[in-house]
Amino acid sequence: MLISDLFQYPVKGLSEASLQSVELDEALGMAGDRRFAITHAKSLFDHEKPAWIARKHFAVVAHSPEIGPIHCRYDVDTQLLELSHAGSVILVEKVGSADMDAKLSEALSSVIKDGQQGPYRLVSAPRKRLTDSPTQTVSIMNTKSLQALSDAVGQPLEKRRFRGNIWFEGDRAWQEHDWVGKAIEIGGVKLFVNERIERCAAVDADPVLGVRNLSVLKQLNQSFGHVDFGVLAQVEKPGLVRTGDTINGI
């Protein structure tokens, strides 16, 4: 079983960065993933004491499918965040600048019409990734499970619908579910698989069109008797993971 893709999502809800290798560690899992998130008008995120909070307080595809097609680039060295939509750059700004929130609100308001309303702010939390889970886990997904679900739906499904960190080429569909409560190794990195990922309406949204166009969640339940896709794992032994590495059960 080989690792086929490594994805890092600098801003929660926006597009991924495809990596050839990445360091995993016990403290953050995958540093740089969901480093930032975007709050909306009804968010209860505490800007004075930033900490992890549930996803409903951020702009996310489940509630604002329009953001799915926003292409995101973040340069760690320059701290420049660039957002593009429909072939046009809608934001280029240094994170932390005085103008960031105003420019971000203007950019996202041009995209989000029916979803979570602004004003919007780019936020982060010290020593925390703003994932859907309060644990600092990485998500692992199986290309064979994706193929099985695509067959059930009746058309190919994009990996971006499921926003996974690590994709592997499995021996069979859903074998990742058997790993819950067990350890796995990728190269020299050891991970403990905590739980299956229960899915929501986000998987019904087309990441290219920015609209809900398929009943993926319903089909997942009807065809396989659950609404889970992928698993979450905590890093127990850190190290470098590369595409092409082998994933093994222990």
C-alpha atoms as a PDB file:
ATOM      1  CA  MET A   1       0.000   0.000   0.000  1.00  0.00           C
ATOM      2  CA  LEU A   2       1.688   3.172  -1.225  1.00  0.00           C
ATOM      3  CA  ILE A   3       1.110   6.812  -0.351  1.00  0.00           C
ATOM      4  CA  SER A   4      -0.268   8.468  -3.504  1.00  0.00           C
ATOM      5  CA  ASP A   5      -0.868  12.038  -2.324  1.00  0.00           C
ATOM      6  CA  LEU A   6       0.003  14.385   0.533  1.00  0.00           C
ATOM      7  CA  PHE A   7      -2.212  17.442   0.923  1.00  0.00           C
ATOM      8  CA  GLN A   8      -1.859  20.416   3.239  1.00  0.00           C
ATOM      9  CA  TYR A   9      -4.647  22.986   3.603  1.00  0.00           C
ATOM     10  CA  PRO A  10      -3.142  26.317   4.772  1.00  0.00           C
ATOM     11  CA  VAL A  11      -6.572  27.936   5.251  1.00  0.00           C
ATOM     12  CA  LYS A  12      -9.487  25.882   6.504  1.00  0.00           C
ATOM     13  CA  GLY A  13     -12.170  25.529   3.833  1.00  0.00           C
ATOM     14  CA  LEU A  14      -9.982  26.632   0.921  1.00  0.00           C
ATOM     15  CA  SER A  15      -7.872  24.664  -1.574  1.00  0.00           C
ATOM     16  CA  GLU A  16      -4.975  22.349  -0.851  1.00  0.00           C
ATOM     17  CA  ALA A  17      -1.240  22.451  -1.457  1.00  0.00           C
ATOM     18  CA  SER A  18       0.050  19.205  -2.967  1.00  0.00           C
ATOM     19  CA  LEU A  19       3.302  18.056  -1.346  1.00  0.00           C
ATOM     20  CA  GLN A  20       5.943  15.479  -2.223  1.00  0.00           C
ATOM     21  CA  SER A  21       7.021  15.158   1.408  1.00  0.00           C
ATOM     22  CA  VAL A  22       6.024  16.545   4.788  1.00  0.00           C
ATOM     23  CA  GLU A  23       7.175  16.307   8.405  1.00  0.00           C
ATOM     24  CA  LEU A  24       4.719  14.842  10.890  1.00  0.00           C
ATOM     25  CA  ASP A  25       5.135  15.481  14.607  1.00  0.00           C
ATOM     26  CA  GLU A  26       3.358  14.708  17.881  1.00  0.00           C
ATOM     27  CA  ALA A  27       2.499  18.314  18.725  1.00  0.00           C
ATOM     28  CA  LEU A  28       0.661  19.407  15.562  1.00  0.00           C
ATOM     29  CA  GLY A  29       0.377  16.304  13.414  1.00  0.00           C
ATOM     30  CA  MET A  30       0.997  18.123  10.139  1.00  0.00           C
ATOM     31  CA  ALA A  31       2.309  21.623  10.846  1.00  0.00           C
ATOM     32  CA  GLY A  32       0.971  24.238   8.436  1.00  0.00           C
ATOM     33  CA  ASP A  33      -2.255  22.362   7.803  1.00  0.00           C
ATOM     34  CA  ARG A  34      -5.344  24.405   8.766  1.00  0.00           C
ATOM     35  CA  ARG A  35      -2.921  26.943  10.187  1.00  0.00           C
ATOM     36  CA  PHE A  36      -5.522  29.610   9.477  1.00  0.00           C
ATOM     37  CA  ALA A  37      -9.296  29.777   9.350  1.00  0.00           C
ATOM     38  CA  ILE A  38     -11.819  32.454   8.431  1.00  0.00           C
ATOM     39  CA  THR A  39     -14.411  33.681  10.905  1.00  0.00           C
ATOM     40  CA  HIS A  40     -17.791  35.061   9.812  1.00  0.00           C
ATOM     41  CA  ALA A  41     -20.355  37.448  11.318  1.00  0.00           C
ATOM     42  CA  LYS A  42     -21.900  34.875  13.685  1.00  0.00           C
ATOM     43  CA  SER A  43     -18.633  33.323  14.823  1.00  0.00           C
ATOM     44  CA  LEU A  44     -17.936  33.057  18.546  1.00  0.00           C
ATOM     45  CA  PHE A  45     -14.191  32.670  18.035  1.00  0.00           C
ATOM     46  CA  ASP A  46     -12.384  34.581  20.789  1.00  0.00           C
ATOM     47  CA  HIS A  47      -9.951  36.929  19.037  1.00  0.00           C
ATOM     48  CA  GLU A  48      -8.425  37.976  22.369  1.00  0.00           C
ATOM     49  CA  LYS A  49      -7.815  34.409  23.538  1.00  0.00           C
ATOM     50  CA  PRO A  50      -7.625  32.380  20.321  1.00  0.00           C
ATOM     51  CA  ALA A  51      -8.146  28.654  20.761  1.00  0.00           C
ATOM     52  CA  TRP A  52      -9.685  25.701  18.966  1.00  0.00           C
ATOM     53  CA  ILE A  53     -13.436  25.989  18.391  1.00  0.00           C
ATOM     54  CA  ALA A  54     -15.998  24.002  16.409  1.00  0.00           C
ATOM     55  CA  ARG A  55     -16.089  24.406  12.622  1.00  0.00           C
ATOM     56  CA  LYS A  56     -19.483  26.184  12.541  1.00  0.00           C
ATOM     57  CA  HIS A  57     -17.655  29.300  13.701  1.00  0.00           C
ATOM     58  CA  PHE A  58     -15.597  29.382  10.491  1.00  0.00           C
ATOM     59  CA  ALA A  59     -16.379  29.741   6.817  1.00  0.00           C
ATOM     60  CA  VAL A  60     -16.544  26.124   5.627  1.00  0.00           C
ATOM     61  CA  VAL A  61     -17.770  24.279   2.547  1.00  0.00           C
ATOM     62  CA  ALA A  62     -20.595  22.584   4.484  1.00  0.00           C
ATOM     63  CA  HIS A  63     -22.300  25.956   5.011  1.00  0.00           C
ATOM     64  CA  SER A  64     -20.704  28.041   2.259  1.00  0.00           C
ATOM     65  CA  PRO A  65     -20.097  25.728  -0.725  1.00  0.00           C
ATOM     66  CA  GLU A  66     -19.126  28.775  -2.814  1.00  0.00           C
ATOM     67  CA  ILE A  67     -15.681  28.842  -1.182  1.00  0.00           C
ATOM     68  CA  GLY A  68     -14.785  25.364  -2.461  1.00  0.00           C
ATOM     69  CA  PRO A  69     -13.334  26.631  -5.780  1.00  0.00           C
ATOM     70  CA  ILE A  70     -11.213  29.362  -4.152  1.00  0.00           C
ATOM     71  CA  HIS A  71      -7.568  28.583  -4.911  1.00  0.00           C
ATOM     72  CA  CYS A  72      -5.290  29.366  -1.984  1.00  0.00           C
ATOM     73  CA  ARG A  73      -1.530  29.923  -1.915  1.00  0.00           C
ATOM     74  CA  TYR A  74       0.374  30.774   1.239  1.00  0.00           C
ATOM     75  CA  ASP A  75       4.108  31.509   1.269  1.00  0.00           C
ATOM     76  CA  VAL A  76       5.565  30.718   4.682  1.00  0.00           C
ATOM     77  CA  ASP A  77       8.659  32.876   4.124  1.00  0.00           C
ATOM     78  CA  THR A  78       6.933  36.048   2.926  1.00  0.00           C
ATOM     79  CA  GLN A  79       3.639  35.374   4.785  1.00  0.00           C
ATOM     80  CA  LEU A  80       1.794  36.383   1.627  1.00  0.00           C
ATOM     81  CA  LEU A  81      -1.669  34.908   1.171  1.00  0.00           C
ATOM     82  CA  GLU A  82      -3.027  34.796  -2.367  1.00  0.00           C
ATOM     83  CA  LEU A  83      -6.607  33.824  -3.207  1.00  0.00           C
ATOM     84  CA  SER A  84      -7.935  33.269  -6.718  1.00  0.00           C
ATOM     85  CA  HIS A  85     -11.449  32.563  -7.947  1.00  0.00           C
ATOM     86  CA  ALA A  86     -12.784  31.872 -11.439  1.00  0.00           C
ATOM     87  CA  GLY A  87      -9.371  32.591 -12.922  1.00  0.00           C
ATOM     88  CA  SER A  88      -8.922  35.969 -11.213  1.00  0.00           C
ATOM     89  CA  VAL A  89      -6.804  36.930  -8.218  1.00  0.00           C
ATOM     90  CA  ILE A  90      -9.132  38.329  -5.547  1.00  0.00           C
ATOM     91  CA  LEU A  91      -6.617  38.841  -2.735  1.00  0.00           C
ATOM     92  CA  VAL A  92      -2.863  39.244  -2.268  1.00  0.00           C
ATOM     93  CA  GLU A  93      -1.997  40.395   1.227  1.00  0.00           C
ATOM     94  CA  LYS A  94       0.523  39.757   3.973  1.00  0.00           C
ATOM     95  CA  VAL A  95      -0.947  37.898   6.924  1.00  0.00           C
ATOM     96  CA  GLY A  96      -1.210  40.211   9.904  1.00  0.00           C
ATOM     97  CA  SER A  97      -1.281  43.427   7.871  1.00  0.00           C
ATOM     98  CA  ALA A  98      -3.602  46.229   8.940  1.00  0.00           C
ATOM     99  CA  ASP A  99      -5.589  45.854   5.723  1.00  0.00           C
ATOM    100  CA  MET A 100      -5.974  42.071   5.739  1.00  0.00           C
ATOM    101  CA  ASP A 101      -9.450  41.820   7.286  1.00  0.00           C
ATOM    102  CA  ALA A 102     -10.978  44.564   5.137  1.00  0.00           C
ATOM    103  CA  LYS A 103      -9.488  43.145   1.949  1.00  0.00           C
ATOM    104  CA  LEU A 104     -10.450  39.597   2.888  1.00  0.00           C
ATOM    105  CA  SER A 105     -14.036  40.654   3.572  1.00  0.00           C
ATOM    106  CA  GLU A 106     -14.222  42.402   0.233  1.00  0.00           C
ATOM    107  CA  ALA A 107     -12.788  39.386  -1.584  1.00  0.00           C
ATOM    108  CA  LEU A 108     -15.012  36.786   0.068  1.00  0.00           C
ATOM    109  CA  SER A 109     -18.150  38.908  -0.159  1.00  0.00           C
ATOM    110  CA  SER A 110     -17.741  38.812  -3.920  1.00  0.00           C
ATOM    111  CA  VAL A 111     -17.850  35.001  -3.780  1.00  0.00           C
ATOM    112  CA  ILE A 112     -20.142  34.051  -0.871  1.00  0.00           C
ATOM    113  CA  LYS A 113     -23.694  35.045  -1.739  1.00  0.00           C
ATOM    114  CA  ASP A 114     -25.901  32.473   0.010  1.00  0.00           C
ATOM    115  CA  GLY A 115     -23.550  31.070   2.630  1.00  0.00           C
ATOM    116  CA  GLN A 116     -22.103  32.413   5.871  1.00  0.00           C
ATOM    117  CA  GLN A 117     -22.035  36.189   5.755  1.00  0.00           C
ATOM    118  CA  GLY A 118     -19.232  38.560   6.695  1.00  0.00           C
ATOM    119  CA  PRO A 119     -17.443  40.527   7.809  1.00  0.00           C
ATOM    120  CA  TYR A 120     -14.655  37.955   7.628  1.00  0.00           C
ATOM    121  CA  ARG A 121     -11.393  37.714   9.523  1.00  0.00           C
ATOM    122  CA  LEU A 122      -8.351  35.489   9.070  1.00  0.00           C
ATOM    123  CA  VAL A 123      -7.471  33.877  12.402  1.00  0.00           C
ATOM    124  CA  SER A 124      -5.085  31.364  13.919  1.00  0.00           C
ATOM    125  CA  ALA A 125      -4.515  29.857  17.362  1.00  0.00           C
ATOM    126  CA  PRO A 126      -1.139  29.339  19.074  1.00  0.00           C
ATOM    127  CA  ARG A 127       0.121  25.749  18.819  1.00  0.00           C
ATOM    128  CA  LYS A 128      -3.193  24.570  17.352  1.00  0.00           C
ATOM    129  CA  ARG A 129      -4.418  23.602  13.909  1.00  0.00           C
ATOM    130  CA  LEU A 130      -7.991  24.674  13.286  1.00  0.00           C
ATOM    131  CA  THR A 131      -9.233  21.316  12.066  1.00  0.00           C
ATOM    132  CA  ASP A 132     -12.699  19.878  12.683  1.00  0.00           C
ATOM    133  CA  SER A 133     -11.277  17.834  15.569  1.00  0.00           C
ATOM    134  CA  PRO A 134      -9.799  19.261  18.792  1.00  0.00           C
ATOM    135  CA  THR A 135      -7.126  16.542  18.637  1.00  0.00           C
ATOM    136  CA  GLN A 136      -4.051  17.307  16.535  1.00  0.00           C
ATOM    137  CA  THR A 137      -4.620  14.438  14.154  1.00  0.00           C
ATOM    138  CA  VAL A 138      -3.947  13.865  10.458  1.00  0.00           C
ATOM    139  CA  SER A 139      -6.585  12.428   8.142  1.00  0.00           C
ATOM    140  CA  ILE A 140      -5.856   9.300   6.117  1.00  0.00           C
ATOM    141  CA  MET A 141      -7.941   8.237   3.106  1.00  0.00           C
ATOM    142  CA  ASN A 142      -8.048   5.244   0.782  1.00  0.00           C
ATOM    143  CA  THR A 143      -8.234   5.554  -3.020  1.00  0.00           C
ATOM    144  CA  LYS A 144     -10.048   2.179  -3.155  1.00  0.00           C
ATOM    145  CA  SER A 145     -12.769   3.547  -0.865  1.00  0.00           C
ATOM    146  CA  LEU A 146     -13.040   6.597  -3.101  1.00  0.00           C
ATOM    147  CA  GLN A 147     -13.476   4.349  -6.138  1.00  0.00           C
ATOM    148  CA  ALA A 148     -16.153   2.276  -4.382  1.00  0.00           C
ATOM    149  CA  LEU A 149     -18.077   5.400  -3.422  1.00  0.00           C
ATOM    150  CA  SER A 150     -17.664   6.888  -6.911  1.00  0.00           C
ATOM    151  CA  ASP A 151     -19.105   3.691  -8.390  1.00  0.00           C
ATOM    152  CA  ALA A 152     -22.065   3.887  -6.011  1.00  0.00           C
ATOM    153  CA  VAL A 153     -22.699   7.538  -6.871  1.00  0.00           C
ATOM    154  CA  GLY A 154     -22.309   6.816 -10.578  1.00  0.00           C
ATOM    155  CA  GLN A 155     -19.536   9.265 -11.415  1.00  0.00           C
ATOM    156  CA  PRO A 156     -15.946  10.039 -10.388  1.00  0.00           C
ATOM    157  CA  LEU A 157     -15.577  11.980  -7.146  1.00  0.00           C
ATOM    158  CA  GLU A 158     -12.752  14.440  -6.583  1.00  0.00           C
ATOM    159  CA  LYS A 159     -10.378  13.845  -3.679  1.00  0.00           C
ATOM    160  CA  ARG A 160     -10.879  17.504  -2.756  1.00  0.00           C
ATOM    161  CA  ARG A 161     -14.438  16.737  -1.624  1.00  0.00           C
ATOM    162  CA  PHE A 162     -12.964  14.850   1.321  1.00  0.00           C
ATOM    163  CA  ARG A 163     -10.067  17.172   2.175  1.00  0.00           C
ATOM    164  CA  GLY A 164      -7.688  14.443   3.363  1.00  0.00           C
ATOM    165  CA  ASN A 165      -4.038  14.891   4.353  1.00  0.00           C
ATOM    166  CA  ILE A 166      -2.711  11.456   3.372  1.00  0.00           C
ATOM    167  CA  TRP A 167      -4.087   9.323   0.529  1.00  0.00           C
ATOM    168  CA  PHE A 168      -2.951   5.746   0.004  1.00  0.00           C
ATOM    169  CA  GLU A 169      -3.603   3.123  -2.638  1.00  0.00           C
ATOM    170  CA  GLY A 170      -5.417   0.470  -0.657  1.00  0.00           C
ATOM    171  CA  ASP A 171      -5.720  -3.267  -1.182  1.00  0.00           C
ATOM    172  CA  ARG A 172      -9.504  -3.024  -0.778  1.00  0.00           C
ATOM    173  CA  ALA A 173     -12.189  -0.477   0.010  1.00  0.00           C
ATOM    174  CA  TRP A 174     -12.764   0.491   3.653  1.00  0.00           C
ATOM    175  CA  GLN A 175      -9.751  -1.401   5.026  1.00  0.00           C
ATOM    176  CA  GLU A 176      -8.763   1.822   6.814  1.00  0.00           C
ATOM    177  CA  HIS A 177     -11.759   1.293   9.118  1.00  0.00           C
ATOM    178  CA  ASP A 178     -10.083  -1.871  10.401  1.00  0.00           C
ATOM    179  CA  TRP A 179      -7.169   0.212  11.694  1.00  0.00           C
ATOM    180  CA  VAL A 180      -9.185   2.098  14.331  1.00  0.00           C
ATOM    181  CA  GLY A 181      -7.633   1.444  17.729  1.00  0.00           C
ATOM    182  CA  LYS A 182      -4.403   0.210  16.135  1.00  0.00           C
ATOM    183  CA  ALA A 183      -1.010   1.563  15.096  1.00  0.00           C
ATOM    184  CA  ILE A 184       0.265   1.954  11.543  1.00  0.00           C
ATOM    185  CA  GLU A 185       3.625   2.943  10.080  1.00  0.00           C
ATOM    186  CA  ILE A 186       4.487   5.106   7.088  1.00  0.00           C
ATOM    187  CA  GLY A 187       8.194   4.879   6.431  1.00  0.00           C
ATOM    188  CA  GLY A 188       9.671   5.460   9.879  1.00  0.00           C
ATOM    189  CA  VAL A 189       6.652   7.401  11.177  1.00  0.00           C
ATOM    190  CA  LYS A 190       4.293   5.672  13.611  1.00  0.00           C
ATOM    191  CA  LEU A 191       0.663   6.751  13.974  1.00  0.00           C
ATOM    192  CA  PHE A 192      -2.223   5.571  16.142  1.00  0.00           C
ATOM    193  CA  VAL A 193      -5.592   5.519  14.374  1.00  0.00           C
ATOM    194  CA  ASN A 194      -8.165   7.098  16.690  1.00  0.00           C
ATOM    195  CA  GLU A 195     -11.457   7.069  14.825  1.00  0.00           C
ATOM    196  CA  ARG A 196     -13.374   7.045  11.575  1.00  0.00           C
ATOM    197  CA  ILE A 197     -14.357  10.415  10.099  1.00  0.00           C
ATOM    198  CA  GLU A 198     -18.109  10.995  10.149  1.00  0.00           C
ATOM    199  CA  ARG A 199     -19.044  13.025   7.095  1.00  0.00           C
ATOM    200  CA  CYS A 200     -21.417  15.954   6.606  1.00  0.00           C
ATOM    201  CA  ALA A 201     -23.022  17.885   3.747  1.00  0.00           C
ATOM    202  CA  ALA A 202     -19.625  19.235   2.651  1.00  0.00           C
ATOM    203  CA  VAL A 203     -19.066  16.099   0.548  1.00  0.00           C
ATOM    204  CA  ASP A 204     -22.190  16.926  -1.501  1.00  0.00           C
ATOM    205  CA  ALA A 205     -20.576  20.152  -2.752  1.00  0.00           C
ATOM    206  CA  ASP A 206     -18.694  20.227  -6.045  1.00  0.00           C
ATOM    207  CA  PRO A 207     -15.215  21.692  -5.316  1.00  0.00           C
ATOM    208  CA  VAL A 208     -14.947  23.054  -8.864  1.00  0.00           C
ATOM    209  CA  LEU A 209     -18.427  24.530  -9.301  1.00  0.00           C
ATOM    210  CA  GLY A 210     -19.005  25.599  -5.693  1.00  0.00           C
ATOM    211  CA  VAL A 211     -22.538  24.182  -5.515  1.00  0.00           C
ATOM    212  CA  ARG A 212     -24.150  21.100  -3.964  1.00  0.00           C
ATOM    213  CA  ASN A 213     -24.740  18.846  -6.945  1.00  0.00           C
ATOM    214  CA  LEU A 214     -24.590  15.251  -5.678  1.00  0.00           C
ATOM    215  CA  SER A 215     -26.149  13.297  -2.796  1.00  0.00           C
ATOM    216  CA  VAL A 216     -22.847  11.738  -1.767  1.00  0.00           C
ATOM    217  CA  LEU A 217     -23.687  11.558   1.944  1.00  0.00           C
ATOM    218  CA  LYS A 218     -27.018   9.838   1.289  1.00  0.00           C
ATOM    219  CA  GLN A 219     -25.454   7.404  -1.156  1.00  0.00           C
ATOM    220  CA  LEU A 220     -22.659   6.602   1.285  1.00  0.00           C
ATOM    221  CA  ASN A 221     -25.241   5.579   3.873  1.00  0.00           C
ATOM    222  CA  GLN A 222     -27.475   3.695   1.445  1.00  0.00           C
ATOM    223  CA  SER A 223     -24.688   1.719  -0.213  1.00  0.00           C
ATOM    224  CA  PHE A 224     -22.368   1.042   2.724  1.00  0.00           C
ATOM    225  CA  GLY A 225     -24.462   1.474   5.885  1.00  0.00           C
ATOM    226  CA  HIS A 226     -22.420   4.310   7.353  1.00  0.00           C
ATOM    227  CA  VAL A 227     -21.539   7.960   6.697  1.00  0.00           C
ATOM    228  CA  ASP A 228     -17.812   7.624   7.368  1.00  0.00           C
ATOM    229  CA  PHE A 229     -14.957   8.310   4.988  1.00  0.00           C
ATOM    230  CA  GLY A 230     -11.333   8.233   6.083  1.00  0.00           C
ATOM    231  CA  VAL A 231      -9.776   7.964   9.537  1.00  0.00           C
ATOM    232  CA  LEU A 232      -7.997  10.290  11.969  1.00  0.00           C
ATOM    233  CA  ALA A 233      -4.600   9.350  13.400  1.00  0.00           C
ATOM    234  CA  GLN A 234      -2.278  10.829  16.002  1.00  0.00           C
ATOM    235  CA  VAL A 235       1.472  10.874  15.455  1.00  0.00           C
ATOM    236  CA  GLU A 236       3.322   8.735  18.008  1.00  0.00           C
ATOM    237  CA  LYS A 237       6.756   8.661  16.357  1.00  0.00           C
ATOM    238  CA  PRO A 238       7.577  11.732  14.219  1.00  0.00           C
ATOM    239  CA  GLY A 239       9.412  11.901  10.947  1.00  0.00           C
ATOM    240  CA  LEU A 240       9.258  12.591   7.239  1.00  0.00           C
ATOM    241  CA  VAL A 241       6.509  11.086   5.076  1.00  0.00           C
ATOM    242  CA  ARG A 242       6.874  11.005   1.279  1.00  0.00           C
ATOM    243  CA  THR A 243       4.659  10.096  -1.629  1.00  0.00           C
ATOM    244  CA  GLY A 244       5.581   6.565  -2.627  1.00  0.00           C
ATOM    245  CA  ASP A 245       6.188   5.491   0.965  1.00  0.00           C
ATOM    246  CA  THR A 246       4.602   2.238   2.088  1.00  0.00           C
ATOM    247  CA  ILE A 247       1.872   2.212   4.726  1.00  0.00           C
ATOM    248  CA  ASN A 248       1.788  -0.847   6.976  1.00  0.00           C
ATOM    249  CA  GLY A 249      -0.251  -2.096   9.892  1.00  0.00           C
ATOM    250  CA  ILE A 250       1.581  -3.069  13.066  1.00  0.00           C
END
